[in-house]
Amino acid sequence: LTRYATDDWVRRLVDTRMVLISPMTNAVGSATRRRDELGIDPNRDFPFDQSAGSCMQTVTARTVNEIYRAHLLQLVVTFHGGMQAIGYNWGAYP
């Protein structure tokens, strides 16, 4: 950001983007020192390839879902279990 005041390209880049940071997605799991929440793996608690009544039961899944619903995300960088990836919504399937 040292070039923000002097570089039009940097200023435009910063002014036209939104950065969302979720430092701890599974806060309930961290607080209880468990990977699951209510006996459900939050990584599998999404409305993809399952019935509507079987998903969005965890706070973690509902929180991430609302972020995706509220913002048109074009790029997601995730640091997940030591893995680094550049992904997209429901990135496991074309």
C-alpha atoms as a PDB file:
ATOM      1  CA  LEU A   1       0.000   0.000   0.000  1.00  0.00           C
ATOM      2  CA  THR A   2       2.974   2.305  -0.065  1.00  0.00           C
ATOM      3  CA  ARG A   3       2.175   3.039  -3.727  1.00  0.00           C
ATOM      4  CA  TYR A   4      -1.533   3.751  -3.121  1.00  0.00           C
ATOM      5  CA  ALA A   5      -1.129   7.543  -3.148  1.00  0.00           C
ATOM      6  CA  THR A   6       1.069   7.661  -6.242  1.00  0.00           C
ATOM      7  CA  ASP A   7       0.079   4.730  -8.470  1.00  0.00           C
ATOM      8  CA  ASP A   8      -3.319   4.857 -10.225  1.00  0.00           C
ATOM      9  CA  TRP A   9      -3.294   1.108 -10.938  1.00  0.00           C
ATOM     10  CA  VAL A  10      -2.690   0.210  -7.273  1.00  0.00           C
ATOM     11  CA  ARG A  11      -5.335   2.691  -6.123  1.00  0.00           C
ATOM     12  CA  ARG A  12      -7.902   1.240  -8.562  1.00  0.00           C
ATOM     13  CA  LEU A  13      -7.001  -2.307  -7.535  1.00  0.00           C
ATOM     14  CA  VAL A  14      -7.518  -1.539  -3.842  1.00  0.00           C
ATOM     15  CA  ASP A  15     -10.613   0.639  -4.290  1.00  0.00           C
ATOM     16  CA  THR A  16     -12.527  -1.841  -6.470  1.00  0.00           C
ATOM     17  CA  ARG A  17     -12.019  -5.007  -4.424  1.00  0.00           C
ATOM     18  CA  MET A  18     -13.255  -6.366  -1.142  1.00  0.00           C
ATOM     19  CA  VAL A  19     -11.160  -8.739   0.927  1.00  0.00           C
ATOM     20  CA  LEU A  20     -13.020 -11.011   3.333  1.00  0.00           C
ATOM     21  CA  ILE A  21     -10.947 -12.788   5.956  1.00  0.00           C
ATOM     22  CA  SER A  22     -12.253 -15.532   8.176  1.00  0.00           C
ATOM     23  CA  PRO A  23      -9.435 -16.281  10.610  1.00  0.00           C
ATOM     24  CA  MET A  24     -11.306 -19.166  12.224  1.00  0.00           C
ATOM     25  CA  THR A  25     -14.135 -20.764  10.308  1.00  0.00           C
ATOM     26  CA  ASN A  26     -14.892 -23.540  12.784  1.00  0.00           C
ATOM     27  CA  ALA A  27     -14.894 -21.552  16.023  1.00  0.00           C
ATOM     28  CA  VAL A  28     -17.243 -24.024  17.746  1.00  0.00           C
ATOM     29  CA  GLY A  29     -14.889 -26.895  16.926  1.00  0.00           C
ATOM     30  CA  SER A  30     -11.935 -24.912  18.188  1.00  0.00           C
ATOM     31  CA  ALA A  31     -13.718 -24.009  21.435  1.00  0.00           C
ATOM     32  CA  THR A  32     -14.718 -27.613  22.082  1.00  0.00           C
ATOM     33  CA  ARG A  33     -11.419 -29.003  20.751  1.00  0.00           C
ATOM     34  CA  ARG A  34     -13.273 -31.187  18.280  1.00  0.00           C
ATOM     35  CA  ARG A  35     -13.309 -31.285  14.507  1.00  0.00           C
ATOM     36  CA  ASP A  36     -17.047 -31.884  14.388  1.00  0.00           C
ATOM     37  CA  GLU A  37     -19.963 -29.764  15.525  1.00  0.00           C
ATOM     38  CA  LEU A  38     -23.053 -31.549  16.852  1.00  0.00           C
ATOM     39  CA  GLY A  39     -21.481 -34.778  15.582  1.00  0.00           C
ATOM     40  CA  ILE A  40     -21.393 -33.393  12.030  1.00  0.00           C
ATOM     41  CA  ASP A  41     -18.260 -32.620  10.023  1.00  0.00           C
ATOM     42  CA  PRO A  42     -18.710 -28.967   8.949  1.00  0.00           C
ATOM     43  CA  ASN A  43     -16.722 -29.726   5.791  1.00  0.00           C
ATOM     44  CA  ARG A  44     -19.559 -32.012   4.659  1.00  0.00           C
ATOM     45  CA  ASP A  45     -22.469 -29.882   5.867  1.00  0.00           C
ATOM     46  CA  PHE A  46     -23.222 -28.081   2.600  1.00  0.00           C
ATOM     47  CA  PRO A  47     -26.152 -28.259   0.159  1.00  0.00           C
ATOM     48  CA  PHE A  48     -24.316 -30.221  -2.477  1.00  0.00           C
ATOM     49  CA  ASP A  49     -25.201 -33.750  -3.480  1.00  0.00           C
ATOM     50  CA  GLN A  50     -27.458 -34.358  -0.463  1.00  0.00           C
ATOM     51  CA  SER A  51     -31.025 -33.738   0.633  1.00  0.00           C
ATOM     52  CA  ALA A  52     -32.022 -30.260   1.813  1.00  0.00           C
ATOM     53  CA  GLY A  53     -32.880 -31.509   5.302  1.00  0.00           C
ATOM     54  CA  SER A  54     -29.421 -33.001   5.773  1.00  0.00           C
ATOM     55  CA  CYS A  55     -27.347 -29.857   5.405  1.00  0.00           C
ATOM     56  CA  MET A  56     -26.671 -26.491   7.030  1.00  0.00           C
ATOM     57  CA  GLN A  57     -27.000 -27.899  10.537  1.00  0.00           C
ATOM     58  CA  THR A  58     -23.749 -26.441  11.872  1.00  0.00           C
ATOM     59  CA  VAL A  59     -22.938 -22.820  12.679  1.00  0.00           C
ATOM     60  CA  THR A  60     -19.782 -23.191  10.579  1.00  0.00           C
ATOM     61  CA  ALA A  61     -21.621 -24.255   7.417  1.00  0.00           C
ATOM     62  CA  ARG A  62     -24.329 -21.617   7.834  1.00  0.00           C
ATOM     63  CA  THR A  63     -21.724 -18.879   8.333  1.00  0.00           C
ATOM     64  CA  VAL A  64     -19.730 -19.818   5.234  1.00  0.00           C
ATOM     65  CA  ASN A  65     -22.947 -20.207   3.228  1.00  0.00           C
ATOM     66  CA  GLU A  66     -24.098 -16.700   4.180  1.00  0.00           C
ATOM     67  CA  ILE A  67     -20.743 -15.245   3.129  1.00  0.00           C
ATOM     68  CA  TYR A  68     -21.115 -16.928  -0.267  1.00  0.00           C
ATOM     69  CA  ARG A  69     -24.734 -15.776  -0.591  1.00  0.00           C
ATOM     70  CA  ALA A  70     -23.970 -12.173   0.367  1.00  0.00           C
ATOM     71  CA  HIS A  71     -20.959 -11.693  -1.929  1.00  0.00           C
ATOM     72  CA  LEU A  72     -20.227 -12.679  -5.502  1.00  0.00           C
ATOM     73  CA  LEU A  73     -16.860 -14.289  -4.809  1.00  0.00           C
ATOM     74  CA  GLN A  74     -14.596 -14.484  -7.822  1.00  0.00           C
ATOM     75  CA  LEU A  75     -11.568 -15.960  -6.089  1.00  0.00           C
ATOM     76  CA  VAL A  76     -11.152 -17.830  -2.837  1.00  0.00           C
ATOM     77  CA  VAL A  77      -7.827 -18.639  -1.241  1.00  0.00           C
ATOM     78  CA  THR A  78      -8.085 -21.222   1.497  1.00  0.00           C
ATOM     79  CA  PHE A  79      -5.577 -22.491   4.011  1.00  0.00           C
ATOM     80  CA  HIS A  80      -7.239 -25.717   5.026  1.00  0.00           C
ATOM     81  CA  GLY A  81      -5.552 -28.349   7.122  1.00  0.00           C
ATOM     82  CA  GLY A  82      -2.101 -27.233   6.008  1.00  0.00           C
ATOM     83  CA  MET A  83      -3.110 -27.279   2.338  1.00  0.00           C
ATOM     84  CA  GLN A  84      -2.917 -24.196   0.132  1.00  0.00           C
ATOM     85  CA  ALA A  85      -5.249 -23.872  -2.831  1.00  0.00           C
ATOM     86  CA  ILE A  86      -6.859 -21.347  -5.085  1.00  0.00           C
ATOM     87  CA  GLY A  87     -10.425 -22.519  -5.407  1.00  0.00           C
ATOM     88  CA  TYR A  88     -13.896 -21.551  -6.489  1.00  0.00           C
ATOM     89  CA  ASN A  89     -17.400 -22.248  -5.211  1.00  0.00           C
ATOM     90  CA  TRP A  90     -17.906 -25.999  -4.911  1.00  0.00           C
ATOM     91  CA  GLY A  91     -14.465 -26.376  -6.465  1.00  0.00           C
ATOM     92  CA  ALA A  92     -14.322 -30.168  -6.379  1.00  0.00           C
ATOM     93  CA  TYR A  93     -16.592 -30.476  -9.401  1.00  0.00           C
ATOM     94  CA  PRO A  94     -16.378 -28.908 -12.864  1.00  0.00           C
END
